[in-house]
Amino acid sequence: MNQKLQQTLDAASGGLTSIDPQAAASNVRNWVSTLQGSNVPGGDDLVSDLSTLADRLESGNLDGVGSLLARIGQTTNSLADNAPAEDADGLRQLGQALTQEGSQIQ
């Protein structure tokens, strides 16, 4: 599994609400940078949602973050199907965590 994915999973392991919002926004912005221009199917929608999430985390306006996290989680799960084998399970774990946390925040 790539290092960025492992670091994200490690950070999320204690629950997303336990992560400092500024640290979370920084992690999300790193993913945006990684995914921009990657030509990953569905990547543009994911980049848009991740950018919105980072903006909300940075501003402290968390309205709608639950549904946003759930959508990001579902997209991440979908992307896992076409990911390199060494990243697919990690992406599914991340997608599941985001979807579950998102549904609890709503």
C-alpha atoms as a PDB file:
ATOM      1  CA  MET A   1       0.000   0.000   0.000  1.00  0.00           C
ATOM      2  CA  ASN A   2       1.331   3.430  -0.808  1.00  0.00           C
ATOM      3  CA  GLN A   3       2.554   5.575   2.068  1.00  0.00           C
ATOM      4  CA  LYS A   4      -0.007   8.368   1.689  1.00  0.00           C
ATOM      5  CA  LEU A   5      -2.888   5.897   1.822  1.00  0.00           C
ATOM      6  CA  GLN A   6      -1.395   4.161   4.874  1.00  0.00           C
ATOM      7  CA  GLN A   7      -0.949   7.509   6.657  1.00  0.00           C
ATOM      8  CA  THR A   8      -4.551   8.455   5.927  1.00  0.00           C
ATOM      9  CA  LEU A   9      -5.813   5.125   7.238  1.00  0.00           C
ATOM     10  CA  ASP A  10      -3.676   5.482  10.365  1.00  0.00           C
ATOM     11  CA  ALA A  11      -5.027   8.980  10.999  1.00  0.00           C
ATOM     12  CA  ALA A  12      -8.620   7.810  10.540  1.00  0.00           C
ATOM     13  CA  SER A  13      -8.249   4.736  12.745  1.00  0.00           C
ATOM     14  CA  GLY A  14      -9.271   6.623  15.882  1.00  0.00           C
ATOM     15  CA  GLY A  15     -12.371   8.025  14.216  1.00  0.00           C
ATOM     16  CA  LEU A  16     -12.552  11.026  11.954  1.00  0.00           C
ATOM     17  CA  THR A  17     -13.927  13.325  14.640  1.00  0.00           C
ATOM     18  CA  SER A  18     -10.740  12.826  16.664  1.00  0.00           C
ATOM     19  CA  ILE A  19      -8.564  14.371  13.924  1.00  0.00           C
ATOM     20  CA  ASP A  20      -7.616  18.040  14.212  1.00  0.00           C
ATOM     21  CA  PRO A  21      -9.584  19.876  11.486  1.00  0.00           C
ATOM     22  CA  GLN A  22      -6.524  21.723  10.177  1.00  0.00           C
ATOM     23  CA  ALA A  23      -4.502  18.499   9.996  1.00  0.00           C
ATOM     24  CA  ALA A  24      -7.417  16.813   8.240  1.00  0.00           C
ATOM     25  CA  ALA A  25      -7.682  19.701   5.760  1.00  0.00           C
ATOM     26  CA  SER A  26      -3.962  19.423   5.017  1.00  0.00           C
ATOM     27  CA  ASN A  27      -4.299  15.680   4.380  1.00  0.00           C
ATOM     28  CA  VAL A  28      -7.298  16.269   2.130  1.00  0.00           C
ATOM     29  CA  ARG A  29      -5.432  18.970   0.164  1.00  0.00           C
ATOM     30  CA  ASN A  30      -2.565  16.499  -0.370  1.00  0.00           C
ATOM     31  CA  TRP A  31      -5.041  14.045  -1.865  1.00  0.00           C
ATOM     32  CA  VAL A  32      -6.449  16.776  -4.106  1.00  0.00           C
ATOM     33  CA  SER A  33      -2.931  17.474  -5.395  1.00  0.00           C
ATOM     34  CA  THR A  34      -2.336  13.777  -6.000  1.00  0.00           C
ATOM     35  CA  LEU A  35      -5.604  13.220  -7.845  1.00  0.00           C
ATOM     36  CA  GLN A  36      -5.689  16.372  -9.982  1.00  0.00           C
ATOM     37  CA  GLY A  37      -4.870  15.503 -13.554  1.00  0.00           C
ATOM     38  CA  SER A  38      -4.532  11.802 -12.755  1.00  0.00           C
ATOM     39  CA  ASN A  39      -7.159  10.730 -15.298  1.00  0.00           C
ATOM     40  CA  VAL A  40      -8.631   8.356 -12.725  1.00  0.00           C
ATOM     41  CA  PRO A  41     -12.241   7.564 -13.735  1.00  0.00           C
ATOM     42  CA  GLY A  42     -14.439   9.507 -11.307  1.00  0.00           C
ATOM     43  CA  GLY A  43     -11.417  11.437 -10.087  1.00  0.00           C
ATOM     44  CA  ASP A  44     -12.754  14.859 -11.066  1.00  0.00           C
ATOM     45  CA  ASP A  45     -15.846  14.426  -8.908  1.00  0.00           C
ATOM     46  CA  LEU A  46     -13.701  13.193  -6.046  1.00  0.00           C
ATOM     47  CA  VAL A  47     -11.331  16.159  -6.381  1.00  0.00           C
ATOM     48  CA  SER A  48     -14.294  18.534  -6.288  1.00  0.00           C
ATOM     49  CA  ASP A  49     -15.761  16.882  -3.179  1.00  0.00           C
ATOM     50  CA  LEU A  50     -12.364  16.754  -1.458  1.00  0.00           C
ATOM     51  CA  SER A  51     -11.763  20.442  -2.194  1.00  0.00           C
ATOM     52  CA  THR A  52     -15.154  21.293  -0.705  1.00  0.00           C
ATOM     53  CA  LEU A  53     -14.359  19.188   2.358  1.00  0.00           C
ATOM     54  CA  ALA A  54     -11.005  20.912   2.864  1.00  0.00           C
ATOM     55  CA  ASP A  55     -12.647  24.331   2.525  1.00  0.00           C
ATOM     56  CA  ARG A  56     -15.259  23.421   5.130  1.00  0.00           C
ATOM     57  CA  LEU A  57     -12.684  22.028   7.543  1.00  0.00           C
ATOM     58  CA  GLU A  58     -10.538  25.139   7.223  1.00  0.00           C
ATOM     59  CA  SER A  59     -13.474  27.514   7.688  1.00  0.00           C
ATOM     60  CA  GLY A  60     -15.084  25.588  10.539  1.00  0.00           C
ATOM     61  CA  ASN A  61     -18.384  25.485   8.597  1.00  0.00           C
ATOM     62  CA  LEU A  62     -19.196  21.807   8.926  1.00  0.00           C
ATOM     63  CA  ASP A  63     -22.751  21.986   7.561  1.00  0.00           C
ATOM     64  CA  GLY A  64     -23.298  19.068   5.233  1.00  0.00           C
ATOM     65  CA  VAL A  65     -19.944  17.447   6.016  1.00  0.00           C
ATOM     66  CA  GLY A  66     -21.602  14.139   6.919  1.00  0.00           C
ATOM     67  CA  SER A  67     -23.223  13.697   3.525  1.00  0.00           C
ATOM     68  CA  LEU A  68     -20.040  14.921   1.847  1.00  0.00           C
ATOM     69  CA  LEU A  69     -17.937  12.332   3.702  1.00  0.00           C
ATOM     70  CA  ALA A  70     -20.418   9.593   2.802  1.00  0.00           C
ATOM     71  CA  ARG A  71     -20.262  10.563  -0.879  1.00  0.00           C
ATOM     72  CA  ILE A  72     -16.446  10.670  -0.796  1.00  0.00           C
ATOM     73  CA  GLY A  73     -16.473   7.244   0.847  1.00  0.00           C
ATOM     74  CA  GLN A  74     -18.727   5.787  -1.828  1.00  0.00           C
ATOM     75  CA  THR A  75     -16.578   7.265  -4.595  1.00  0.00           C
ATOM     76  CA  THR A  76     -13.432   5.927  -2.925  1.00  0.00           C
ATOM     77  CA  ASN A  77     -14.982   2.451  -2.790  1.00  0.00           C
ATOM     78  CA  SER A  78     -15.782   2.677  -6.500  1.00  0.00           C
ATOM     79  CA  LEU A  79     -12.246   3.760  -7.342  1.00  0.00           C
ATOM     80  CA  ALA A  80     -10.827   0.775  -5.461  1.00  0.00           C
ATOM     81  CA  ASP A  81     -12.113  -1.529  -8.198  1.00  0.00           C
ATOM     82  CA  ASN A  82      -9.664  -0.029 -10.716  1.00  0.00           C
ATOM     83  CA  ALA A  83      -6.804   0.687  -8.297  1.00  0.00           C
ATOM     84  CA  PRO A  84      -3.496  -1.178  -8.233  1.00  0.00           C
ATOM     85  CA  ALA A  85      -3.872  -4.423  -6.296  1.00  0.00           C
ATOM     86  CA  GLU A  86      -1.601  -3.228  -3.483  1.00  0.00           C
ATOM     87  CA  ASP A  87      -3.879  -0.200  -2.864  1.00  0.00           C
ATOM     88  CA  ALA A  88      -7.335  -1.673  -3.470  1.00  0.00           C
ATOM     89  CA  ASP A  89      -7.925  -3.064   0.041  1.00  0.00           C
ATOM     90  CA  GLY A  90      -6.700   0.128   1.678  1.00  0.00           C
ATOM     91  CA  LEU A  91      -8.985   2.223  -0.510  1.00  0.00           C
ATOM     92  CA  ARG A  92     -11.921   0.007   0.400  1.00  0.00           C
ATOM     93  CA  GLN A  93     -11.092   0.362   4.106  1.00  0.00           C
ATOM     94  CA  LEU A  94     -10.870   4.131   3.736  1.00  0.00           C
ATOM     95  CA  GLY A  95     -14.065   4.290   1.711  1.00  0.00           C
ATOM     96  CA  GLN A  96     -15.911   2.242   4.306  1.00  0.00           C
ATOM     97  CA  ALA A  97     -14.622   4.396   7.168  1.00  0.00           C
ATOM     98  CA  LEU A  98     -15.608   7.620   5.387  1.00  0.00           C
ATOM     99  CA  THR A  99     -19.050   6.304   4.512  1.00  0.00           C
ATOM    100  CA  GLN A 100     -19.670   5.060   8.050  1.00  0.00           C
ATOM    101  CA  GLU A 101     -18.417   8.251   9.725  1.00  0.00           C
ATOM    102  CA  GLY A 102     -20.366  10.379   7.278  1.00  0.00           C
ATOM    103  CA  SER A 103     -23.613   8.582   8.062  1.00  0.00           C
ATOM    104  CA  GLN A 104     -23.020   9.078  11.798  1.00  0.00           C
ATOM    105  CA  ILE A 105     -22.315  12.806  11.458  1.00  0.00           C
ATOM    106  CA  GLN A 106     -25.510  13.549   9.547  1.00  0.00           C
END
